[in-house]
Amino acid sequence: MINPLKIIMFGVKHSGKTSIGKKISDILKWPFHDLDESIELQTRALTGSSIRDFFHIEERARFLTIEKQCLDTYLRSRPAPWILSTGGGIIENENALKLIPHDAVKVFLHNDPQVLFRRIEKKGLPPFLSGEDPYDAFMRIYTDRMTRYKRIADIIVVLGNGSKDENTEIVLQSIKEYADARK
């Protein structure tokens, strides 16, 4: 058994938080939750919009409030153990970060920025990267968030070009080593 019994995955959009989190959930037989799914349900209930459209149409402050509310609801309603994948931008939501349990292990999935940008482009650029130079906008966000992710993380896992299974094993091993070192 891994202790702590709460794992929170952080990282830039398309860094593998959800896919790796789900695989670890399957291995440990722990519940998995993607916070973006809760936010998506909330934004659709409020406006009929996806997160992408909601973020584009509404004020950023309203989005951050919904993100915090969804996190709060999840944390209050779920007993441990669990694995939670956050949205990439939660690191800029100070009010949401204050809710993160101190006894949760915070895992930052670090990826090469060029790899991440290619993944984002492939899925479609989000509104916050629209403009004349999306890559430059991405790099500004990436650089700013790296400092924040590293500050909050208990574990920083640098992921390469491995398969999802290989990357999952790397993350799981890092969590086990972290837990063992805390015994």
C-alpha atoms as a PDB file:
ATOM      1  CA  MET A   1       0.000   0.000   0.000  1.00  0.00           C
ATOM      2  CA  ILE A   2       1.226   3.465  -0.826  1.00  0.00           C
ATOM      3  CA  ASN A   3       0.942   6.098   1.844  1.00  0.00           C
ATOM      4  CA  PRO A   4      -0.051   8.934   1.432  1.00  0.00           C
ATOM      5  CA  LEU A   5      -3.394   7.779   0.163  1.00  0.00           C
ATOM      6  CA  LYS A   6      -4.037  10.896  -1.903  1.00  0.00           C
ATOM      7  CA  ILE A   7      -2.211  11.581  -5.163  1.00  0.00           C
ATOM      8  CA  ILE A   8      -2.668  14.789  -7.143  1.00  0.00           C
ATOM      9  CA  MET A   9      -1.301  15.050 -10.668  1.00  0.00           C
ATOM     10  CA  PHE A  10      -0.170  18.468 -11.918  1.00  0.00           C
ATOM     11  CA  GLY A  11       1.303  19.510 -15.251  1.00  0.00           C
ATOM     12  CA  VAL A  12       0.819  21.487 -18.415  1.00  0.00           C
ATOM     13  CA  LYS A  13      -2.043  20.651 -20.755  1.00  0.00           C
ATOM     14  CA  HIS A  14      -1.440  17.255 -22.431  1.00  0.00           C
ATOM     15  CA  SER A  15       1.391  16.294 -20.073  1.00  0.00           C
ATOM     16  CA  GLY A  16      -0.230  12.932 -19.282  1.00  0.00           C
ATOM     17  CA  LYS A  17      -2.025  13.749 -16.013  1.00  0.00           C
ATOM     18  CA  THR A  18      -5.245  11.988 -16.959  1.00  0.00           C
ATOM     19  CA  SER A  19      -3.872   9.038 -18.927  1.00  0.00           C
ATOM     20  CA  ILE A  20      -1.167   8.245 -16.356  1.00  0.00           C
ATOM     21  CA  GLY A  21      -3.513   8.941 -13.451  1.00  0.00           C
ATOM     22  CA  LYS A  22      -6.051   6.464 -14.863  1.00  0.00           C
ATOM     23  CA  LYS A  23      -3.386   3.803 -15.353  1.00  0.00           C
ATOM     24  CA  ILE A  24      -2.091   4.238 -11.793  1.00  0.00           C
ATOM     25  CA  SER A  25      -5.684   4.070 -10.577  1.00  0.00           C
ATOM     26  CA  ASP A  26      -6.113   0.741 -12.365  1.00  0.00           C
ATOM     27  CA  ILE A  27      -2.886  -0.620 -10.893  1.00  0.00           C
ATOM     28  CA  LEU A  28      -3.594   0.497  -7.309  1.00  0.00           C
ATOM     29  CA  LYS A  29      -7.354  -0.131  -7.562  1.00  0.00           C
ATOM     30  CA  TRP A  30      -7.977   3.412  -6.273  1.00  0.00           C
ATOM     31  CA  PRO A  31     -10.674   5.763  -7.555  1.00  0.00           C
ATOM     32  CA  PHE A  32      -9.541   8.266 -10.177  1.00  0.00           C
ATOM     33  CA  HIS A  33     -11.085  11.643 -10.880  1.00  0.00           C
ATOM     34  CA  ASP A  34     -10.286  14.199 -13.570  1.00  0.00           C
ATOM     35  CA  LEU A  35     -11.117  17.657 -12.211  1.00  0.00           C
ATOM     36  CA  ASP A  36     -11.631  18.936 -15.766  1.00  0.00           C
ATOM     37  CA  GLU A  37     -14.590  16.549 -16.086  1.00  0.00           C
ATOM     38  CA  SER A  38     -16.278  18.196 -13.083  1.00  0.00           C
ATOM     39  CA  ILE A  39     -15.570  21.640 -14.486  1.00  0.00           C
ATOM     40  CA  GLU A  40     -16.944  20.578 -17.866  1.00  0.00           C
ATOM     41  CA  LEU A  41     -20.180  19.378 -16.254  1.00  0.00           C
ATOM     42  CA  GLN A  42     -20.454  22.626 -14.309  1.00  0.00           C
ATOM     43  CA  THR A  43     -19.825  24.899 -17.295  1.00  0.00           C
ATOM     44  CA  ARG A  44     -22.297  22.941 -19.419  1.00  0.00           C
ATOM     45  CA  ALA A  45     -24.912  23.164 -16.649  1.00  0.00           C
ATOM     46  CA  LEU A  46     -24.418  26.917 -16.314  1.00  0.00           C
ATOM     47  CA  THR A  47     -24.128  27.963 -19.934  1.00  0.00           C
ATOM     48  CA  GLY A  48     -24.349  24.909 -22.157  1.00  0.00           C
ATOM     49  CA  SER A  49     -20.689  25.507 -23.083  1.00  0.00           C
ATOM     50  CA  SER A  50     -17.627  23.299 -23.027  1.00  0.00           C
ATOM     51  CA  ILE A  51     -14.688  24.386 -20.865  1.00  0.00           C
ATOM     52  CA  ARG A  52     -12.957  25.666 -24.008  1.00  0.00           C
ATOM     53  CA  ASP A  53     -15.939  27.795 -25.031  1.00  0.00           C
ATOM     54  CA  PHE A  54     -16.714  28.877 -21.479  1.00  0.00           C
ATOM     55  CA  PHE A  55     -13.143  30.053 -20.962  1.00  0.00           C
ATOM     56  CA  HIS A  56     -13.298  31.940 -24.248  1.00  0.00           C
ATOM     57  CA  ILE A  57     -16.676  33.594 -23.594  1.00  0.00           C
ATOM     58  CA  GLU A  58     -16.693  34.181 -19.840  1.00  0.00           C
ATOM     59  CA  GLU A  59     -14.346  36.138 -17.624  1.00  0.00           C
ATOM     60  CA  ARG A  60     -11.326  34.237 -16.368  1.00  0.00           C
ATOM     61  CA  ALA A  61     -12.319  35.041 -12.770  1.00  0.00           C
ATOM     62  CA  ARG A  62     -15.585  33.127 -13.208  1.00  0.00           C
ATOM     63  CA  PHE A  63     -13.724  30.112 -14.544  1.00  0.00           C
ATOM     64  CA  LEU A  64     -11.308  30.182 -11.585  1.00  0.00           C
ATOM     65  CA  THR A  65     -14.235  30.309  -9.166  1.00  0.00           C
ATOM     66  CA  ILE A  66     -15.831  27.263 -10.791  1.00  0.00           C
ATOM     67  CA  GLU A  67     -12.506  25.416 -10.752  1.00  0.00           C
ATOM     68  CA  LYS A  68     -12.123  26.106  -7.017  1.00  0.00           C
ATOM     69  CA  GLN A  69     -15.716  25.060  -6.297  1.00  0.00           C
ATOM     70  CA  CYS A  70     -15.294  21.790  -8.204  1.00  0.00           C
ATOM     71  CA  LEU A  71     -12.070  21.011  -6.351  1.00  0.00           C
ATOM     72  CA  ASP A  72     -13.660  21.825  -3.007  1.00  0.00           C
ATOM     73  CA  THR A  73     -16.668  19.621  -3.761  1.00  0.00           C
ATOM     74  CA  TYR A  74     -14.429  16.731  -4.784  1.00  0.00           C
ATOM     75  CA  LEU A  75     -12.149  16.977  -1.760  1.00  0.00           C
ATOM     76  CA  ARG A  76     -15.082  17.174   0.667  1.00  0.00           C
ATOM     77  CA  SER A  77     -16.931  14.227  -0.851  1.00  0.00           C
ATOM     78  CA  ARG A  78     -14.183  11.657  -1.402  1.00  0.00           C
ATOM     79  CA  PRO A  79     -12.522   9.654   1.341  1.00  0.00           C
ATOM     80  CA  ALA A  80      -8.985   8.460   0.657  1.00  0.00           C
ATOM     81  CA  PRO A  81      -7.512   6.715  -1.194  1.00  0.00           C
ATOM     82  CA  TRP A  82      -7.840   8.551  -4.490  1.00  0.00           C
ATOM     83  CA  ILE A  83      -5.971   9.945  -7.465  1.00  0.00           C
ATOM     84  CA  LEU A  84      -6.887  13.357  -8.846  1.00  0.00           C
ATOM     85  CA  SER A  85      -5.858  14.903 -12.143  1.00  0.00           C
ATOM     86  CA  THR A  86      -6.022  18.690 -12.198  1.00  0.00           C
ATOM     87  CA  GLY A  87      -6.315  21.075 -15.101  1.00  0.00           C
ATOM     88  CA  GLY A  88      -3.052  22.563 -16.314  1.00  0.00           C
ATOM     89  CA  GLY A  89      -3.970  26.072 -15.226  1.00  0.00           C
ATOM     90  CA  ILE A  90      -4.946  25.254 -11.652  1.00  0.00           C
ATOM     91  CA  ILE A  91      -1.421  26.225 -10.670  1.00  0.00           C
ATOM     92  CA  GLU A  92      -2.433  29.854 -11.303  1.00  0.00           C
ATOM     93  CA  ASN A  93      -5.538  29.570  -9.113  1.00  0.00           C
ATOM     94  CA  GLU A  94      -4.292  30.535  -5.644  1.00  0.00           C
ATOM     95  CA  ASN A  95      -7.726  30.045  -4.055  1.00  0.00           C
ATOM     96  CA  ALA A  96      -7.941  26.491  -5.373  1.00  0.00           C
ATOM     97  CA  LEU A  97      -4.366  25.681  -4.356  1.00  0.00           C
ATOM     98  CA  LYS A  98      -5.170  26.616  -0.758  1.00  0.00           C
ATOM     99  CA  LEU A  99      -7.580  23.664  -0.711  1.00  0.00           C
ATOM    100  CA  ILE A 100      -4.938  21.074  -1.642  1.00  0.00           C
ATOM    101  CA  PRO A 101      -4.578  18.683   1.310  1.00  0.00           C
ATOM    102  CA  HIS A 102      -1.196  18.780   2.996  1.00  0.00           C
ATOM    103  CA  ASP A 103      -1.205  14.993   3.246  1.00  0.00           C
ATOM    104  CA  ALA A 104      -1.601  14.527  -0.518  1.00  0.00           C
ATOM    105  CA  VAL A 105       1.432  13.732  -2.633  1.00  0.00           C
ATOM    106  CA  LYS A 106       1.684  16.331  -5.372  1.00  0.00           C
ATOM    107  CA  VAL A 107       3.176  14.933  -8.580  1.00  0.00           C
ATOM    108  CA  PHE A 108       4.346  17.289 -11.321  1.00  0.00           C
ATOM    109  CA  LEU A 109       4.627  15.655 -14.742  1.00  0.00           C
ATOM    110  CA  HIS A 110       7.361  17.575 -16.532  1.00  0.00           C
ATOM    111  CA  ASN A 111       7.573  17.286 -20.311  1.00  0.00           C
ATOM    112  CA  ASP A 112       9.594  18.917 -23.054  1.00  0.00           C
ATOM    113  CA  PRO A 113       7.759  22.098 -24.123  1.00  0.00           C
ATOM    114  CA  GLN A 114       8.041  21.322 -27.838  1.00  0.00           C
ATOM    115  CA  VAL A 115       6.447  17.902 -27.315  1.00  0.00           C
ATOM    116  CA  LEU A 116       3.636  19.486 -25.295  1.00  0.00           C
ATOM    117  CA  PHE A 117       3.004  22.190 -27.886  1.00  0.00           C
ATOM    118  CA  ARG A 118       2.782  19.592 -30.673  1.00  0.00           C
ATOM    119  CA  ARG A 119       0.222  17.623 -28.622  1.00  0.00           C
ATOM    120  CA  ILE A 120      -1.791  20.784 -27.973  1.00  0.00           C
ATOM    121  CA  GLU A 121      -1.705  21.774 -31.656  1.00  0.00           C
ATOM    122  CA  LYS A 122      -2.865  18.307 -32.635  1.00  0.00           C
ATOM    123  CA  LYS A 123      -5.926  18.567 -30.353  1.00  0.00           C
ATOM    124  CA  GLY A 124      -6.687  22.176 -31.315  1.00  0.00           C
ATOM    125  CA  LEU A 125      -5.342  25.386 -29.813  1.00  0.00           C
ATOM    126  CA  PRO A 126      -7.256  26.616 -26.769  1.00  0.00           C
ATOM    127  CA  PRO A 127      -8.473  30.251 -26.666  1.00  0.00           C
ATOM    128  CA  PHE A 128      -5.606  31.380 -24.447  1.00  0.00           C
ATOM    129  CA  LEU A 129      -3.145  30.404 -27.180  1.00  0.00           C
ATOM    130  CA  SER A 130      -4.965  32.035 -30.056  1.00  0.00           C
ATOM    131  CA  GLY A 131      -3.252  35.003 -31.611  1.00  0.00           C
ATOM    132  CA  GLU A 132      -0.386  35.823 -33.936  1.00  0.00           C
ATOM    133  CA  ASP A 133       2.206  33.551 -32.330  1.00  0.00           C
ATOM    134  CA  PRO A 134       0.639  30.658 -30.389  1.00  0.00           C
ATOM    135  CA  TYR A 135       4.016  29.034 -29.686  1.00  0.00           C
ATOM    136  CA  ASP A 136       5.372  32.225 -28.136  1.00  0.00           C
ATOM    137  CA  ALA A 137       2.201  32.533 -26.011  1.00  0.00           C
ATOM    138  CA  PHE A 138       2.591  28.885 -24.968  1.00  0.00           C
ATOM    139  CA  MET A 139       6.238  29.373 -24.011  1.00  0.00           C
ATOM    140  CA  ARG A 140       5.394  32.384 -21.824  1.00  0.00           C
ATOM    141  CA  ILE A 141       2.751  30.349 -20.002  1.00  0.00           C
ATOM    142  CA  TYR A 142       4.999  27.283 -19.824  1.00  0.00           C
ATOM    143  CA  THR A 143       7.913  29.252 -18.351  1.00  0.00           C
ATOM    144  CA  ASP A 144       5.722  30.937 -15.753  1.00  0.00           C
ATOM    145  CA  ARG A 145       4.026  27.714 -14.722  1.00  0.00           C
ATOM    146  CA  MET A 146       7.258  25.710 -14.425  1.00  0.00           C
ATOM    147  CA  THR A 147       8.298  27.779 -11.403  1.00  0.00           C
ATOM    148  CA  ARG A 148       4.888  27.351  -9.817  1.00  0.00           C
ATOM    149  CA  TYR A 149       4.673  23.592 -10.458  1.00  0.00           C
ATOM    150  CA  LYS A 150       8.144  23.034  -9.047  1.00  0.00           C
ATOM    151  CA  ARG A 151       7.300  25.052  -5.950  1.00  0.00           C
ATOM    152  CA  ILE A 152       4.201  23.000  -5.096  1.00  0.00           C
ATOM    153  CA  ALA A 153       5.420  19.554  -6.172  1.00  0.00           C
ATOM    154  CA  ASP A 154       6.517  16.852  -3.777  1.00  0.00           C
ATOM    155  CA  ILE A 155       7.703  14.830  -6.766  1.00  0.00           C
ATOM    156  CA  ILE A 156       8.884  16.072 -10.152  1.00  0.00           C
ATOM    157  CA  VAL A 157       8.820  13.367 -12.789  1.00  0.00           C
ATOM    158  CA  VAL A 158      10.570  14.168 -16.050  1.00  0.00           C
ATOM    159  CA  LEU A 159       8.868  12.220 -18.809  1.00  0.00           C
ATOM    160  CA  GLY A 160      10.548  11.399 -22.068  1.00  0.00           C
ATOM    161  CA  ASN A 161       9.313   9.747 -25.229  1.00  0.00           C
ATOM    162  CA  GLY A 162       8.319   6.521 -23.517  1.00  0.00           C
ATOM    163  CA  SER A 163       4.992   4.814 -23.989  1.00  0.00           C
ATOM    164  CA  LYS A 164       2.099   5.556 -21.642  1.00  0.00           C
ATOM    165  CA  ASP A 165       2.833   2.287 -19.852  1.00  0.00           C
ATOM    166  CA  GLU A 166       6.530   3.138 -19.458  1.00  0.00           C
ATOM    167  CA  ASN A 167       5.740   6.647 -18.242  1.00  0.00           C
ATOM    168  CA  THR A 168       3.137   5.268 -15.832  1.00  0.00           C
ATOM    169  CA  GLU A 169       5.736   2.919 -14.375  1.00  0.00           C
ATOM    170  CA  ILE A 170       8.199   5.812 -13.962  1.00  0.00           C
ATOM    171  CA  VAL A 171       5.583   7.899 -12.138  1.00  0.00           C
ATOM    172  CA  LEU A 172       4.428   5.003  -9.965  1.00  0.00           C
ATOM    173  CA  GLN A 173       8.003   4.138  -9.025  1.00  0.00           C
ATOM    174  CA  SER A 174       8.657   7.786  -8.114  1.00  0.00           C
ATOM    175  CA  ILE A 175       5.590   7.822  -5.873  1.00  0.00           C
ATOM    176  CA  LYS A 176       6.665   4.564  -4.180  1.00  0.00           C
ATOM    177  CA  GLU A 177      10.169   5.938  -3.569  1.00  0.00           C
ATOM    178  CA  TYR A 178       8.705   9.149  -2.153  1.00  0.00           C
ATOM    179  CA  ALA A 179       6.386   7.163   0.148  1.00  0.00           C
ATOM    180  CA  ASP A 180       9.218   4.863   1.281  1.00  0.00           C
ATOM    181  CA  ALA A 181      11.463   7.829   2.093  1.00  0.00           C
ATOM    182  CA  ARG A 182       8.740   9.265   4.342  1.00  0.00           C
ATOM    183  CA  LYS A 183       8.325   6.114   6.455  1.00  0.00           C
END
